N, C-alpha and C. Protein backbone atom coordinates (compact mmCIF):
# COMPACT_ATOMS: atom_id res chain seq x y z
N MET A 1 36.80 15.81 -13.93
CA MET A 1 36.51 17.09 -14.57
C MET A 1 35.59 16.89 -15.78
N LYS A 2 35.89 15.84 -16.59
CA LYS A 2 35.07 15.56 -17.78
C LYS A 2 33.62 15.32 -17.38
N ARG A 3 33.44 14.58 -16.27
CA ARG A 3 32.08 14.28 -15.81
C ARG A 3 31.36 15.57 -15.39
N LEU A 4 32.06 16.49 -14.73
CA LEU A 4 31.48 17.76 -14.32
C LEU A 4 31.02 18.57 -15.52
N VAL A 5 31.83 18.59 -16.57
CA VAL A 5 31.46 19.30 -17.80
C VAL A 5 30.23 18.66 -18.42
N THR A 6 30.19 17.33 -18.47
CA THR A 6 29.04 16.62 -19.04
C THR A 6 27.77 16.93 -18.25
N VAL A 7 27.86 16.93 -16.94
CA VAL A 7 26.71 17.25 -16.09
C VAL A 7 26.27 18.69 -16.33
N ALA A 8 27.21 19.61 -16.43
CA ALA A 8 26.87 21.03 -16.65
C ALA A 8 26.19 21.23 -17.99
N VAL A 9 26.71 20.59 -19.04
CA VAL A 9 26.11 20.71 -20.37
C VAL A 9 24.71 20.11 -20.38
N THR A 10 24.55 18.94 -19.78
CA THR A 10 23.24 18.30 -19.71
C THR A 10 22.26 19.18 -18.95
N LEU A 11 22.70 19.71 -17.81
CA LEU A 11 21.84 20.59 -17.02
C LEU A 11 21.44 21.83 -17.82
N ALA A 12 22.37 22.40 -18.57
CA ALA A 12 22.07 23.57 -19.40
C ALA A 12 21.00 23.25 -20.43
N PHE A 13 21.09 22.08 -21.07
CA PHE A 13 20.07 21.71 -22.06
C PHE A 13 18.71 21.49 -21.41
N VAL A 14 18.70 20.87 -20.22
CA VAL A 14 17.44 20.63 -19.53
C VAL A 14 16.79 21.94 -19.11
N VAL A 15 17.60 22.85 -18.56
CA VAL A 15 17.07 24.12 -18.06
C VAL A 15 16.79 25.10 -19.19
N LEU A 16 17.72 25.24 -20.13
CA LEU A 16 17.60 26.26 -21.17
C LEU A 16 16.88 25.77 -22.42
N GLY A 17 16.71 24.47 -22.56
CA GLY A 17 16.02 23.93 -23.74
C GLY A 17 14.64 24.53 -23.95
N PRO A 18 13.77 24.52 -22.92
CA PRO A 18 12.45 25.13 -23.09
C PRO A 18 12.51 26.62 -23.39
N VAL A 19 13.49 27.33 -22.80
CA VAL A 19 13.64 28.76 -23.07
C VAL A 19 14.01 28.97 -24.53
N ALA A 20 14.96 28.19 -25.03
CA ALA A 20 15.37 28.32 -26.43
C ALA A 20 14.23 27.99 -27.36
N THR A 21 13.43 26.97 -27.03
CA THR A 21 12.27 26.63 -27.86
C THR A 21 11.27 27.76 -27.88
N ALA A 22 11.00 28.35 -26.73
CA ALA A 22 10.05 29.47 -26.67
C ALA A 22 10.55 30.64 -27.48
N LEU A 23 11.85 30.91 -27.39
CA LEU A 23 12.40 32.03 -28.15
C LEU A 23 12.39 31.74 -29.64
N ALA A 24 12.58 30.47 -30.03
CA ALA A 24 12.56 30.13 -31.45
C ALA A 24 11.17 30.36 -32.02
N ASP A 25 10.13 30.10 -31.22
CA ASP A 25 8.76 30.35 -31.66
C ASP A 25 8.49 31.84 -31.70
N GLY A 26 9.22 32.59 -30.96
CA GLY A 26 9.10 34.03 -30.98
C GLY A 26 8.07 34.56 -30.01
N PRO A 27 8.51 35.24 -28.98
CA PRO A 27 7.57 35.86 -28.05
C PRO A 27 6.86 37.03 -28.71
N ALA A 28 5.69 37.36 -28.21
CA ALA A 28 4.94 38.50 -28.73
C ALA A 28 5.69 39.78 -28.42
N ILE A 29 5.74 40.68 -29.40
CA ILE A 29 6.36 41.99 -29.14
C ILE A 29 5.35 43.12 -29.30
N VAL A 30 4.27 42.89 -30.05
CA VAL A 30 3.23 43.90 -30.22
C VAL A 30 1.88 43.21 -30.04
N THR A 31 1.02 43.84 -29.25
CA THR A 31 -0.33 43.32 -29.04
C THR A 31 -1.35 44.38 -29.44
N PHE A 32 -2.35 43.96 -30.21
CA PHE A 32 -3.48 44.81 -30.59
C PHE A 32 -4.66 44.40 -29.73
N SER A 33 -5.48 45.39 -29.37
CA SER A 33 -6.70 45.08 -28.61
C SER A 33 -7.77 46.10 -28.97
N GLY A 34 -8.96 45.91 -28.40
CA GLY A 34 -10.04 46.86 -28.61
C GLY A 34 -10.99 46.41 -29.69
N ALA A 35 -11.31 47.31 -30.59
CA ALA A 35 -12.29 47.06 -31.65
C ALA A 35 -11.64 46.25 -32.77
N ILE A 36 -11.38 44.96 -32.47
CA ILE A 36 -10.79 44.03 -33.44
C ILE A 36 -11.63 42.76 -33.48
N SER A 37 -11.64 42.08 -34.62
CA SER A 37 -12.44 40.86 -34.72
C SER A 37 -11.58 39.60 -34.63
N GLU A 38 -10.29 39.69 -34.89
CA GLU A 38 -9.40 38.53 -34.82
C GLU A 38 -8.67 38.55 -33.48
N THR A 39 -8.61 37.39 -32.85
CA THR A 39 -7.92 37.30 -31.56
C THR A 39 -7.07 36.04 -31.51
N ASN A 40 -6.01 36.10 -30.73
CA ASN A 40 -5.18 34.91 -30.50
C ASN A 40 -4.57 34.90 -29.10
N ARG A 41 -5.10 35.75 -28.22
CA ARG A 41 -4.60 35.75 -26.84
C ARG A 41 -5.73 36.02 -25.86
N ASP A 42 -5.50 35.60 -24.64
CA ASP A 42 -6.48 35.76 -23.58
C ASP A 42 -6.51 37.20 -23.08
N PRO A 43 -7.55 37.52 -22.29
CA PRO A 43 -7.62 38.86 -21.70
C PRO A 43 -6.44 39.12 -20.76
N VAL A 44 -6.22 40.39 -20.48
CA VAL A 44 -5.18 40.77 -19.52
C VAL A 44 -5.60 40.29 -18.15
N ASN A 45 -4.65 39.69 -17.45
CA ASN A 45 -4.83 39.26 -16.08
C ASN A 45 -3.83 40.05 -15.27
N GLU A 46 -4.29 40.87 -14.36
CA GLU A 46 -3.41 41.78 -13.63
C GLU A 46 -2.24 41.08 -12.95
N ARG A 47 -2.46 39.86 -12.49
CA ARG A 47 -1.42 39.13 -11.78
C ARG A 47 -0.31 38.65 -12.71
N THR A 48 -0.67 38.24 -13.92
CA THR A 48 0.33 37.66 -14.82
C THR A 48 0.74 38.56 -15.97
N HIS A 49 0.09 39.68 -16.15
CA HIS A 49 0.41 40.58 -17.25
C HIS A 49 0.80 41.94 -16.70
N GLY A 50 1.89 41.95 -15.95
CA GLY A 50 2.31 43.11 -15.19
C GLY A 50 2.48 44.40 -15.98
N LEU A 51 3.10 44.36 -17.16
CA LEU A 51 3.34 45.60 -17.90
C LEU A 51 2.04 46.21 -18.39
N PHE A 52 1.12 45.39 -18.89
CA PHE A 52 -0.18 45.92 -19.28
C PHE A 52 -0.87 46.55 -18.08
N ALA A 53 -0.90 45.81 -16.98
CA ALA A 53 -1.56 46.32 -15.77
C ALA A 53 -0.85 47.57 -15.25
N HIS A 54 0.47 47.57 -15.30
CA HIS A 54 1.23 48.72 -14.82
C HIS A 54 0.85 50.00 -15.56
N HIS A 55 0.58 49.88 -16.86
CA HIS A 55 0.22 51.04 -17.68
C HIS A 55 -1.30 51.24 -17.77
N GLY A 56 -2.06 50.49 -16.98
CA GLY A 56 -3.51 50.66 -16.96
C GLY A 56 -4.19 50.16 -18.23
N ILE A 57 -3.57 49.20 -18.90
CA ILE A 57 -4.13 48.65 -20.14
C ILE A 57 -4.86 47.36 -19.80
N ALA A 58 -6.13 47.31 -20.13
CA ALA A 58 -6.93 46.10 -19.91
C ALA A 58 -7.72 45.82 -21.18
N PHE A 59 -7.87 44.55 -21.48
CA PHE A 59 -8.70 44.18 -22.63
C PHE A 59 -9.22 42.76 -22.46
N ASP A 60 -10.33 42.51 -23.13
CA ASP A 60 -10.93 41.18 -23.11
C ASP A 60 -10.46 40.31 -24.25
N LYS A 61 -10.06 40.96 -25.34
CA LYS A 61 -9.56 40.19 -26.48
C LYS A 61 -8.38 40.92 -27.07
N GLY A 62 -7.41 40.13 -27.51
CA GLY A 62 -6.21 40.73 -28.07
C GLY A 62 -5.65 39.88 -29.19
N TYR A 63 -4.77 40.49 -29.95
CA TYR A 63 -4.06 39.79 -31.02
C TYR A 63 -2.60 40.15 -30.89
N GLN A 64 -1.78 39.15 -30.62
CA GLN A 64 -0.36 39.40 -30.41
C GLN A 64 0.44 38.92 -31.61
N LEU A 65 1.52 39.64 -31.88
CA LEU A 65 2.39 39.33 -33.01
C LEU A 65 3.84 39.26 -32.53
N SER A 66 4.54 38.25 -32.99
CA SER A 66 5.96 38.11 -32.69
C SER A 66 6.77 38.82 -33.76
N ARG A 67 8.06 38.93 -33.55
CA ARG A 67 8.94 39.50 -34.57
C ARG A 67 8.84 38.68 -35.86
N GLU A 68 8.72 37.36 -35.71
CA GLU A 68 8.60 36.49 -36.88
C GLU A 68 7.30 36.77 -37.63
N ASP A 69 6.21 36.96 -36.91
CA ASP A 69 4.92 37.30 -37.55
C ASP A 69 5.05 38.61 -38.33
N LEU A 70 5.65 39.61 -37.70
CA LEU A 70 5.81 40.92 -38.33
C LEU A 70 6.76 40.85 -39.52
N SER A 71 7.80 40.03 -39.41
CA SER A 71 8.78 39.88 -40.50
C SER A 71 8.18 39.16 -41.70
N ALA A 72 7.18 38.31 -41.47
CA ALA A 72 6.58 37.53 -42.55
C ALA A 72 5.68 38.37 -43.45
N LEU A 73 5.29 39.55 -42.98
CA LEU A 73 4.43 40.43 -43.77
C LEU A 73 5.29 41.26 -44.73
N PRO A 74 4.69 41.79 -45.80
CA PRO A 74 5.46 42.68 -46.68
C PRO A 74 6.08 43.82 -45.88
N GLN A 75 7.34 44.13 -46.17
CA GLN A 75 8.09 45.15 -45.45
C GLN A 75 8.18 46.44 -46.27
N THR A 76 8.07 47.56 -45.58
CA THR A 76 8.21 48.88 -46.19
C THR A 76 9.37 49.58 -45.49
N ASN A 77 10.15 50.35 -46.22
CA ASN A 77 11.30 51.05 -45.67
C ASN A 77 11.07 52.56 -45.69
N TYR A 78 11.41 53.21 -44.57
CA TYR A 78 11.37 54.67 -44.47
C TYR A 78 12.67 55.16 -43.86
N GLU A 79 13.19 56.24 -44.42
CA GLU A 79 14.37 56.90 -43.86
C GLU A 79 13.92 57.80 -42.71
N ASP A 80 14.72 57.83 -41.66
CA ASP A 80 14.46 58.75 -40.56
C ASP A 80 15.77 59.41 -40.19
N ASP A 81 15.73 60.70 -39.91
CA ASP A 81 16.96 61.43 -39.60
C ASP A 81 16.91 62.07 -38.21
N ILE A 82 16.14 61.45 -37.32
CA ILE A 82 16.10 61.93 -35.95
C ILE A 82 17.50 61.77 -35.37
N PRO A 83 18.06 62.81 -34.74
CA PRO A 83 19.39 62.69 -34.15
C PRO A 83 19.49 61.47 -33.22
N ARG A 84 20.57 60.74 -33.35
CA ARG A 84 20.87 59.52 -32.58
C ARG A 84 19.95 58.36 -32.95
N ALA A 85 19.11 58.51 -33.96
CA ALA A 85 18.24 57.41 -34.39
C ALA A 85 18.13 57.38 -35.91
N GLU A 86 19.14 57.93 -36.59
CA GLU A 86 19.10 57.99 -38.05
C GLU A 86 19.17 56.58 -38.62
N GLY A 87 18.56 56.41 -39.78
CA GLY A 87 18.68 55.14 -40.46
C GLY A 87 17.49 54.82 -41.32
N THR A 88 17.54 53.65 -41.92
CA THR A 88 16.44 53.14 -42.72
C THR A 88 15.68 52.13 -41.88
N TYR A 89 14.46 52.47 -41.55
CA TYR A 89 13.60 51.63 -40.73
C TYR A 89 12.74 50.76 -41.64
N SER A 90 12.52 49.52 -41.23
CA SER A 90 11.69 48.63 -42.03
C SER A 90 10.72 47.87 -41.15
N GLY A 91 9.55 47.63 -41.72
CA GLY A 91 8.51 46.88 -41.02
C GLY A 91 7.24 46.91 -41.84
N PRO A 92 6.22 46.19 -41.36
CA PRO A 92 4.95 46.17 -42.09
C PRO A 92 4.17 47.48 -41.92
N LEU A 93 3.37 47.78 -42.92
CA LEU A 93 2.48 48.94 -42.83
C LEU A 93 1.48 48.71 -41.70
N LEU A 94 1.20 49.75 -40.96
CA LEU A 94 0.20 49.66 -39.89
C LEU A 94 -1.16 49.31 -40.48
N THR A 95 -1.47 49.80 -41.67
CA THR A 95 -2.76 49.47 -42.29
C THR A 95 -2.88 47.96 -42.53
N ASP A 96 -1.78 47.30 -42.92
CA ASP A 96 -1.81 45.84 -43.12
C ASP A 96 -2.08 45.13 -41.80
N LEU A 97 -1.48 45.61 -40.72
CA LEU A 97 -1.70 45.00 -39.41
C LEU A 97 -3.13 45.21 -38.94
N LEU A 98 -3.66 46.41 -39.18
CA LEU A 98 -5.05 46.67 -38.79
C LEU A 98 -6.01 45.78 -39.57
N ASP A 99 -5.70 45.53 -40.84
CA ASP A 99 -6.51 44.59 -41.63
C ASP A 99 -6.41 43.18 -41.05
N ARG A 100 -5.20 42.77 -40.68
CA ARG A 100 -4.98 41.42 -40.16
C ARG A 100 -5.78 41.17 -38.88
N VAL A 101 -5.88 42.18 -38.02
CA VAL A 101 -6.60 41.99 -36.76
C VAL A 101 -8.09 42.32 -36.87
N GLY A 102 -8.53 42.71 -38.06
CA GLY A 102 -9.94 43.03 -38.26
C GLY A 102 -10.37 44.27 -37.51
N ALA A 103 -9.56 45.31 -37.56
CA ALA A 103 -9.87 46.55 -36.83
C ALA A 103 -11.13 47.20 -37.40
N SER A 104 -12.00 47.64 -36.50
CA SER A 104 -13.22 48.31 -36.93
C SER A 104 -13.39 49.68 -36.28
N GLY A 105 -12.41 50.11 -35.53
CA GLY A 105 -12.49 51.41 -34.87
C GLY A 105 -12.05 52.53 -35.78
N ASN A 106 -12.01 53.73 -35.21
CA ASN A 106 -11.60 54.90 -35.99
C ASN A 106 -10.54 55.73 -35.27
N HIS A 107 -9.99 55.19 -34.20
CA HIS A 107 -9.02 55.93 -33.38
C HIS A 107 -8.01 54.92 -32.83
N LEU A 108 -6.75 55.33 -32.70
CA LEU A 108 -5.72 54.47 -32.13
C LEU A 108 -5.09 55.10 -30.91
N VAL A 109 -4.75 54.27 -29.94
CA VAL A 109 -3.95 54.66 -28.79
C VAL A 109 -2.77 53.69 -28.77
N ILE A 110 -1.58 54.24 -28.97
CA ILE A 110 -0.37 53.43 -29.07
C ILE A 110 0.49 53.70 -27.84
N THR A 111 1.01 52.62 -27.23
CA THR A 111 1.76 52.75 -25.99
C THR A 111 3.12 52.08 -26.11
N GLY A 112 4.14 52.76 -25.58
CA GLY A 112 5.49 52.22 -25.51
C GLY A 112 5.76 51.61 -24.15
N LEU A 113 6.83 50.86 -24.06
CA LEU A 113 7.19 50.19 -22.81
C LEU A 113 7.35 51.16 -21.65
N ASP A 114 7.78 52.39 -21.94
CA ASP A 114 7.98 53.39 -20.89
C ASP A 114 6.70 54.12 -20.51
N GLY A 115 5.58 53.78 -21.16
CA GLY A 115 4.30 54.42 -20.88
C GLY A 115 4.00 55.59 -21.78
N PHE A 116 5.00 56.05 -22.57
CA PHE A 116 4.74 57.13 -23.52
C PHE A 116 3.74 56.62 -24.55
N GLY A 117 2.82 57.49 -24.93
CA GLY A 117 1.82 57.07 -25.90
C GLY A 117 1.44 58.17 -26.86
N ALA A 118 0.74 57.77 -27.89
CA ALA A 118 0.22 58.70 -28.88
C ALA A 118 -1.18 58.26 -29.25
N GLU A 119 -2.02 59.26 -29.52
CA GLU A 119 -3.39 58.99 -29.94
C GLU A 119 -3.65 59.74 -31.23
N PHE A 120 -4.34 59.09 -32.16
CA PHE A 120 -4.71 59.76 -33.40
C PHE A 120 -5.77 58.97 -34.13
N ASP A 121 -6.46 59.66 -35.03
CA ASP A 121 -7.52 59.04 -35.82
C ASP A 121 -6.91 58.15 -36.90
N LEU A 122 -7.68 57.17 -37.33
CA LEU A 122 -7.22 56.28 -38.39
C LEU A 122 -7.06 57.01 -39.72
N THR A 123 -7.67 58.18 -39.85
CA THR A 123 -7.46 58.96 -41.08
C THR A 123 -5.99 59.31 -41.24
N VAL A 124 -5.28 59.53 -40.13
CA VAL A 124 -3.84 59.81 -40.17
C VAL A 124 -3.09 58.59 -40.70
N VAL A 125 -3.49 57.42 -40.26
CA VAL A 125 -2.86 56.18 -40.72
C VAL A 125 -3.12 55.97 -42.21
N ASP A 126 -4.38 56.14 -42.62
CA ASP A 126 -4.72 55.97 -44.03
C ASP A 126 -3.98 56.96 -44.92
N GLN A 127 -3.88 58.18 -44.47
CA GLN A 127 -3.26 59.23 -45.28
C GLN A 127 -1.74 59.11 -45.35
N HIS A 128 -1.09 58.76 -44.22
CA HIS A 128 0.37 58.82 -44.17
C HIS A 128 1.07 57.46 -44.16
N GLN A 129 0.34 56.37 -43.97
CA GLN A 129 0.87 55.01 -44.09
C GLN A 129 2.14 54.75 -43.25
N PRO A 130 2.05 54.91 -41.92
CA PRO A 130 3.21 54.59 -41.08
C PRO A 130 3.46 53.08 -41.04
N ILE A 131 4.66 52.74 -40.61
CA ILE A 131 5.01 51.34 -40.41
C ILE A 131 5.26 51.08 -38.94
N ILE A 132 5.12 49.83 -38.56
CA ILE A 132 5.62 49.39 -37.26
C ILE A 132 6.97 48.76 -37.57
N ALA A 133 8.01 49.57 -37.38
CA ALA A 133 9.36 49.13 -37.71
C ALA A 133 9.86 48.14 -36.69
N ILE A 134 10.54 47.11 -37.21
CA ILE A 134 11.14 46.10 -36.35
C ILE A 134 12.64 45.99 -36.60
N ALA A 135 13.14 46.80 -37.55
CA ALA A 135 14.57 46.79 -37.85
C ALA A 135 15.00 48.18 -38.31
N VAL A 136 16.26 48.47 -38.11
CA VAL A 136 16.87 49.70 -38.62
C VAL A 136 18.19 49.31 -39.27
N ASP A 137 18.37 49.77 -40.50
CA ASP A 137 19.57 49.43 -41.27
C ASP A 137 19.81 47.92 -41.29
N GLY A 138 18.73 47.15 -41.38
CA GLY A 138 18.82 45.70 -41.49
C GLY A 138 19.03 44.96 -40.19
N GLU A 139 19.17 45.67 -39.08
CA GLU A 139 19.38 45.04 -37.77
C GLU A 139 18.09 45.13 -36.95
N PRO A 140 17.72 44.04 -36.27
CA PRO A 140 16.51 44.07 -35.45
C PRO A 140 16.58 45.15 -34.38
N LEU A 141 15.47 45.85 -34.17
CA LEU A 141 15.38 46.79 -33.05
C LEU A 141 15.28 45.97 -31.77
N SER A 142 16.00 46.38 -30.76
CA SER A 142 15.94 45.65 -29.50
C SER A 142 15.51 46.60 -28.39
N VAL A 143 15.06 46.01 -27.30
CA VAL A 143 14.68 46.80 -26.14
C VAL A 143 15.92 47.56 -25.67
N GLY A 144 15.74 48.82 -25.39
CA GLY A 144 16.86 49.67 -25.00
C GLY A 144 17.47 50.41 -26.17
N GLU A 145 17.09 50.02 -27.36
CA GLU A 145 17.56 50.68 -28.59
C GLU A 145 16.37 50.95 -29.50
N LEU A 146 15.36 51.60 -28.98
CA LEU A 146 14.13 52.00 -29.68
C LEU A 146 13.16 50.86 -29.92
N GLY A 147 13.51 49.64 -29.59
CA GLY A 147 12.66 48.49 -29.90
C GLY A 147 11.91 47.99 -28.69
N PRO A 148 11.18 46.95 -28.90
CA PRO A 148 11.28 45.99 -29.99
C PRO A 148 10.60 46.45 -31.30
N ALA A 149 9.78 47.46 -31.21
CA ALA A 149 9.10 47.98 -32.40
C ALA A 149 8.98 49.49 -32.26
N LYS A 150 8.84 50.17 -33.39
CA LYS A 150 8.77 51.63 -33.37
C LYS A 150 7.83 52.08 -34.48
N LEU A 151 6.95 53.01 -34.17
CA LEU A 151 6.05 53.56 -35.18
C LEU A 151 6.82 54.64 -35.95
N VAL A 152 6.90 54.48 -37.27
CA VAL A 152 7.66 55.40 -38.11
C VAL A 152 6.77 55.87 -39.25
N PHE A 153 6.69 57.19 -39.38
CA PHE A 153 5.96 57.82 -40.48
C PHE A 153 6.92 58.21 -41.58
N PRO A 154 6.48 58.16 -42.85
CA PRO A 154 7.36 58.61 -43.93
C PRO A 154 7.45 60.13 -43.93
N LYS A 155 8.50 60.63 -44.54
CA LYS A 155 8.66 62.08 -44.71
C LYS A 155 7.60 62.59 -45.68
N THR A 156 7.06 63.77 -45.39
CA THR A 156 6.02 64.34 -46.26
C THR A 156 6.55 65.48 -47.11
N GLY A 157 7.71 66.04 -46.73
CA GLY A 157 8.23 67.21 -47.41
C GLY A 157 7.78 68.51 -46.77
N ASP A 158 6.88 68.43 -45.80
CA ASP A 158 6.39 69.58 -45.05
C ASP A 158 6.99 69.50 -43.64
N ALA A 159 7.92 70.37 -43.30
CA ALA A 159 8.65 70.31 -42.04
C ALA A 159 7.73 70.32 -40.82
N GLU A 160 6.70 71.15 -40.84
CA GLU A 160 5.78 71.21 -39.69
C GLU A 160 4.97 69.92 -39.55
N LEU A 161 4.48 69.39 -40.66
CA LEU A 161 3.73 68.14 -40.61
C LEU A 161 4.64 67.00 -40.19
N ASP A 162 5.86 66.96 -40.71
CA ASP A 162 6.80 65.92 -40.31
C ASP A 162 7.06 65.96 -38.81
N LYS A 163 7.19 67.15 -38.25
CA LYS A 163 7.40 67.30 -36.81
C LYS A 163 6.19 66.78 -36.03
N GLU A 164 4.99 67.11 -36.51
CA GLU A 164 3.77 66.64 -35.85
C GLU A 164 3.67 65.11 -35.90
N LEU A 165 3.94 64.54 -37.06
CA LEU A 165 3.87 63.08 -37.20
C LEU A 165 4.95 62.41 -36.36
N ARG A 166 6.15 62.98 -36.34
CA ARG A 166 7.24 62.42 -35.55
C ARG A 166 6.86 62.35 -34.07
N SER A 167 6.06 63.31 -33.60
CA SER A 167 5.64 63.30 -32.19
C SER A 167 4.74 62.11 -31.88
N LYS A 168 4.18 61.49 -32.90
CA LYS A 168 3.34 60.30 -32.72
C LYS A 168 4.14 59.01 -32.88
N GLY A 169 5.42 59.14 -33.21
CA GLY A 169 6.28 57.99 -33.48
C GLY A 169 6.75 57.30 -32.22
N VAL A 170 5.88 56.57 -31.59
CA VAL A 170 6.20 55.87 -30.33
C VAL A 170 7.28 54.83 -30.59
N TRP A 171 8.34 54.88 -29.77
CA TRP A 171 9.34 53.83 -29.83
C TRP A 171 9.16 52.91 -28.63
N ALA A 172 9.78 51.75 -28.66
CA ALA A 172 9.56 50.69 -27.66
C ALA A 172 8.07 50.36 -27.61
N LEU A 173 7.44 50.41 -28.77
CA LEU A 173 6.00 50.17 -28.91
C LEU A 173 5.68 48.71 -28.56
N PHE A 174 4.66 48.52 -27.74
CA PHE A 174 4.25 47.16 -27.42
C PHE A 174 2.73 46.96 -27.48
N HIS A 175 1.96 48.05 -27.53
CA HIS A 175 0.50 47.89 -27.52
C HIS A 175 -0.18 48.91 -28.43
N VAL A 176 -1.16 48.42 -29.19
CA VAL A 176 -1.98 49.28 -30.04
C VAL A 176 -3.44 48.99 -29.69
N ALA A 177 -4.12 50.00 -29.17
CA ALA A 177 -5.56 49.86 -28.86
C ALA A 177 -6.34 50.50 -30.00
N VAL A 178 -7.28 49.74 -30.55
CA VAL A 178 -8.15 50.25 -31.60
C VAL A 178 -9.45 50.65 -30.90
N VAL A 179 -9.80 51.93 -31.02
CA VAL A 179 -10.95 52.47 -30.29
C VAL A 179 -12.02 52.88 -31.28
N GLU A 180 -13.24 52.56 -30.94
CA GLU A 180 -14.38 52.99 -31.75
C GLU A 180 -15.07 54.12 -31.00
N ASP A 181 -14.96 55.34 -31.55
CA ASP A 181 -15.55 56.52 -30.91
C ASP A 181 -17.05 56.59 -31.14
């Protein structure tokens, strides 16, 4: 029996060791593409990048960020009171991320894992300073619970404007396309 346990533990380390190492490095959770000057990933390949291809997203250059990359940037907190999603959301400002990737466009198309998306001009980003939240109430956002990332706008005090901005708050966000009109 002892030998069987030793073999099982050894096999687990051999099989799961590379997985644990990859997860420790942090898989990409958000990818920027389009009118950007900084890149760190290859173009979309329909065969190996199924979710991008499934949503009709193609690009020649991209910049991907892991949770660790996003956590290493200055964090901003915004309260949100959407029913069943109340809490304090934290993450980097979208403007900081756009600076990091060298964005030169004037329009954004943001897509969630479910294909829901929002489009808006960068003037909205400059004026309202949304964050790409990666945590709520100090806990990481996970897939199935609004994550891995969520676009969150701060409250403005204007109920109609808050409603409009909230409609752009893509959850399960995984892709940001910077478009030059």
